[in-house]
């Protein structure tokens, strides 16, 4: 993940994300809306599949655990208004707390 812009006061962040094919990004909740444009590949989450060329908005308060589709890395740009909050990792049973706009390496 490359942080392109981050506002410490508001938590807003613009990031370029690459997920390896068939690998996931940490489960998280959106503090504000998140605007996403998929450049290459795609991912799936509880709401379905998203593919290259799609622009969409994740609602404030929505949560998901995106996993890149098999066969091609997923590259996307995301604008997280207010940042994100990391959620429990169900596989390990631990909770990771995030701050508004917190960044991490997936």
C-alpha atoms as a PDB file:
ATOM      1  CA  UNK A   1       0.000   0.000   0.000  1.00  0.00           C
ATOM      2  CA  UNK A   2       1.255   3.466  -0.907  1.00  0.00           C
ATOM      3  CA  UNK A   3      -0.166   6.408   0.998  1.00  0.00           C
ATOM      4  CA  UNK A   4      -0.618   9.225  -1.505  1.00  0.00           C
ATOM      5  CA  UNK A   5      -2.155  11.740   0.908  1.00  0.00           C
ATOM      6  CA  UNK A   6      -3.120  11.691   4.554  1.00  0.00           C
ATOM      7  CA  UNK A   7      -4.768  14.376   6.660  1.00  0.00           C
ATOM      8  CA  UNK A   8      -3.911  13.856  10.322  1.00  0.00           C
ATOM      9  CA  UNK A   9      -6.769  16.084  11.518  1.00  0.00           C
ATOM     10  CA  UNK A  10      -9.628  14.510   9.565  1.00  0.00           C
ATOM     11  CA  UNK A  11      -8.254  11.000   9.032  1.00  0.00           C
ATOM     12  CA  UNK A  12      -8.827  11.323   5.276  1.00  0.00           C
ATOM     13  CA  UNK A  13      -6.459   9.169   3.252  1.00  0.00           C
ATOM     14  CA  UNK A  14      -5.795   8.562  -0.427  1.00  0.00           C
ATOM     15  CA  UNK A  15      -4.047   5.234  -0.999  1.00  0.00           C
ATOM     16  CA  UNK A  16      -2.890   3.044  -3.863  1.00  0.00           C
ATOM     17  CA  UNK A  17      -3.371  -0.604  -2.930  1.00  0.00           C
ATOM     18  CA  UNK A  18      -2.045  -3.786  -4.524  1.00  0.00           C
ATOM     19  CA  UNK A  19      -3.449  -7.091  -3.256  1.00  0.00           C
ATOM     20  CA  UNK A  20      -1.746 -10.233  -4.504  1.00  0.00           C
ATOM     21  CA  UNK A  21      -4.066 -12.558  -6.411  1.00  0.00           C
ATOM     22  CA  UNK A  22      -6.172 -14.676  -4.015  1.00  0.00           C
ATOM     23  CA  UNK A  23      -4.887 -12.757  -0.954  1.00  0.00           C
ATOM     24  CA  UNK A  24      -6.895 -10.512   1.337  1.00  0.00           C
ATOM     25  CA  UNK A  25      -6.747  -7.081   2.887  1.00  0.00           C
ATOM     26  CA  UNK A  26      -7.470  -6.752   6.629  1.00  0.00           C
ATOM     27  CA  UNK A  27     -11.129  -6.580   7.652  1.00  0.00           C
ATOM     28  CA  UNK A  28     -12.052  -2.974   8.341  1.00  0.00           C
ATOM     29  CA  UNK A  29     -14.894  -0.495   8.831  1.00  0.00           C
ATOM     30  CA  UNK A  30     -15.172   2.813   6.983  1.00  0.00           C
ATOM     31  CA  UNK A  31     -15.441   5.831   9.268  1.00  0.00           C
ATOM     32  CA  UNK A  32     -16.773   7.988   6.410  1.00  0.00           C
ATOM     33  CA  UNK A  33     -17.502   7.077   2.824  1.00  0.00           C
ATOM     34  CA  UNK A  34     -14.778   5.374   0.811  1.00  0.00           C
ATOM     35  CA  UNK A  35     -14.454   6.012  -2.904  1.00  0.00           C
ATOM     36  CA  UNK A  36     -12.747   3.234  -4.856  1.00  0.00           C
ATOM     37  CA  UNK A  37     -11.600   2.805  -8.452  1.00  0.00           C
ATOM     38  CA  UNK A  38     -10.226  -0.600  -9.480  1.00  0.00           C
ATOM     39  CA  UNK A  39      -7.388  -0.276 -11.976  1.00  0.00           C
ATOM     40  CA  UNK A  40      -6.501  -3.960 -12.483  1.00  0.00           C
ATOM     41  CA  UNK A  41      -7.936  -7.321 -11.445  1.00  0.00           C
ATOM     42  CA  UNK A  42     -10.688  -7.309  -8.885  1.00  0.00           C
ATOM     43  CA  UNK A  43     -11.796  -8.513  -5.478  1.00  0.00           C
ATOM     44  CA  UNK A  44     -14.702 -10.146  -3.719  1.00  0.00           C
ATOM     45  CA  UNK A  45     -16.254  -9.436  -0.350  1.00  0.00           C
ATOM     46  CA  UNK A  46     -19.614  -9.995   1.330  1.00  0.00           C
ATOM     47  CA  UNK A  47     -21.339  -7.695  -1.189  1.00  0.00           C
ATOM     48  CA  UNK A  48     -20.046  -9.543  -4.279  1.00  0.00           C
ATOM     49  CA  UNK A  49     -17.307  -9.038  -6.851  1.00  0.00           C
ATOM     50  CA  UNK A  50     -15.751  -5.799  -8.061  1.00  0.00           C
ATOM     51  CA  UNK A  51     -13.646  -5.694 -11.235  1.00  0.00           C
ATOM     52  CA  UNK A  52     -11.227  -3.453 -13.162  1.00  0.00           C
ATOM     53  CA  UNK A  53     -12.840  -0.267 -14.421  1.00  0.00           C
ATOM     54  CA  UNK A  54     -15.437  -0.080 -11.638  1.00  0.00           C
ATOM     55  CA  UNK A  55     -15.853   3.028  -9.496  1.00  0.00           C
ATOM     56  CA  UNK A  56     -18.002   2.671  -6.393  1.00  0.00           C
ATOM     57  CA  UNK A  57     -18.629   4.083  -2.930  1.00  0.00           C
ATOM     58  CA  UNK A  58     -18.612   2.117   0.324  1.00  0.00           C
ATOM     59  CA  UNK A  59     -21.002   3.741   2.793  1.00  0.00           C
ATOM     60  CA  UNK A  60     -19.859   5.271   6.072  1.00  0.00           C
ATOM     61  CA  UNK A  61     -20.039   2.595   8.778  1.00  0.00           C
ATOM     62  CA  UNK A  62     -19.870  -0.269   6.280  1.00  0.00           C
ATOM     63  CA  UNK A  63     -17.372  -3.061   6.924  1.00  0.00           C
ATOM     64  CA  UNK A  64     -15.775  -5.703   4.739  1.00  0.00           C
ATOM     65  CA  UNK A  65     -12.831  -8.037   4.203  1.00  0.00           C
ATOM     66  CA  UNK A  66     -11.825  -7.825   0.528  1.00  0.00           C
ATOM     67  CA  UNK A  67      -9.959 -10.736  -1.103  1.00  0.00           C
ATOM     68  CA  UNK A  68      -8.328 -10.346  -4.528  1.00  0.00           C
ATOM     69  CA  UNK A  69      -9.694 -12.581  -7.264  1.00  0.00           C
ATOM     70  CA  UNK A  70      -7.469 -15.466  -8.383  1.00  0.00           C
ATOM     71  CA  UNK A  71      -5.294 -15.080 -11.455  1.00  0.00           C
ATOM     72  CA  UNK A  72      -4.287 -11.416 -11.276  1.00  0.00           C
ATOM     73  CA  UNK A  73      -3.200  -8.918  -8.642  1.00  0.00           C
ATOM     74  CA  UNK A  74      -5.828  -6.337  -7.722  1.00  0.00           C
ATOM     75  CA  UNK A  75      -4.664  -2.725  -7.980  1.00  0.00           C
ATOM     76  CA  UNK A  76      -6.959   0.055  -6.822  1.00  0.00           C
ATOM     77  CA  UNK A  77      -6.985   3.611  -5.608  1.00  0.00           C
ATOM     78  CA  UNK A  78      -9.107   4.400  -2.558  1.00  0.00           C
ATOM     79  CA  UNK A  79     -10.126   7.677  -0.938  1.00  0.00           C
ATOM     80  CA  UNK A  80     -11.106   6.938   2.672  1.00  0.00           C
ATOM     81  CA  UNK A  81     -12.960   9.931   4.112  1.00  0.00           C
ATOM     82  CA  UNK A  82     -12.337   9.845   7.860  1.00  0.00           C
ATOM     83  CA  UNK A  83     -10.093   6.782   7.552  1.00  0.00           C
ATOM     84  CA  UNK A  84     -10.769   3.192   8.556  1.00  0.00           C
ATOM     85  CA  UNK A  85     -10.954   1.115  11.729  1.00  0.00           C
ATOM     86  CA  UNK A  86      -9.409  -2.345  11.703  1.00  0.00           C
ATOM     87  CA  UNK A  87     -11.644  -5.197  12.903  1.00  0.00           C
ATOM     88  CA  UNK A  88     -11.135  -8.551  14.651  1.00  0.00           C
ATOM     89  CA  UNK A  89      -9.103 -11.127  12.770  1.00  0.00           C
ATOM     90  CA  UNK A  90     -11.456 -14.104  13.059  1.00  0.00           C
ATOM     91  CA  UNK A  91      -8.715 -16.566  12.070  1.00  0.00           C
ATOM     92  CA  UNK A  92      -6.542 -15.638  15.048  1.00  0.00           C
ATOM     93  CA  UNK A  93      -9.262 -14.450  17.388  1.00  0.00           C
ATOM     94  CA  UNK A  94      -7.532 -11.187  18.257  1.00  0.00           C
ATOM     95  CA  UNK A  95      -8.710  -7.626  17.859  1.00  0.00           C
ATOM     96  CA  UNK A  96      -6.675  -4.935  16.175  1.00  0.00           C
ATOM     97  CA  UNK A  97      -7.740  -1.422  17.010  1.00  0.00           C
ATOM     98  CA  UNK A  98      -7.257   1.276  14.430  1.00  0.00           C
ATOM     99  CA  UNK A  99      -7.379   5.038  14.575  1.00  0.00           C
ATOM    100  CA  UNK A 100      -8.977   7.298  12.014  1.00  0.00           C
ATOM    101  CA  UNK A 101      -6.718   7.286   8.994  1.00  0.00           C
ATOM    102  CA  UNK A 102      -4.412   4.606  10.385  1.00  0.00           C
ATOM    103  CA  UNK A 103      -2.238   3.040   7.720  1.00  0.00           C
ATOM    104  CA  UNK A 104      -0.726  -0.416   7.713  1.00  0.00           C
ATOM    105  CA  UNK A 105       0.902  -2.849   5.340  1.00  0.00           C
ATOM    106  CA  UNK A 106      -1.371  -5.654   4.164  1.00  0.00           C
END
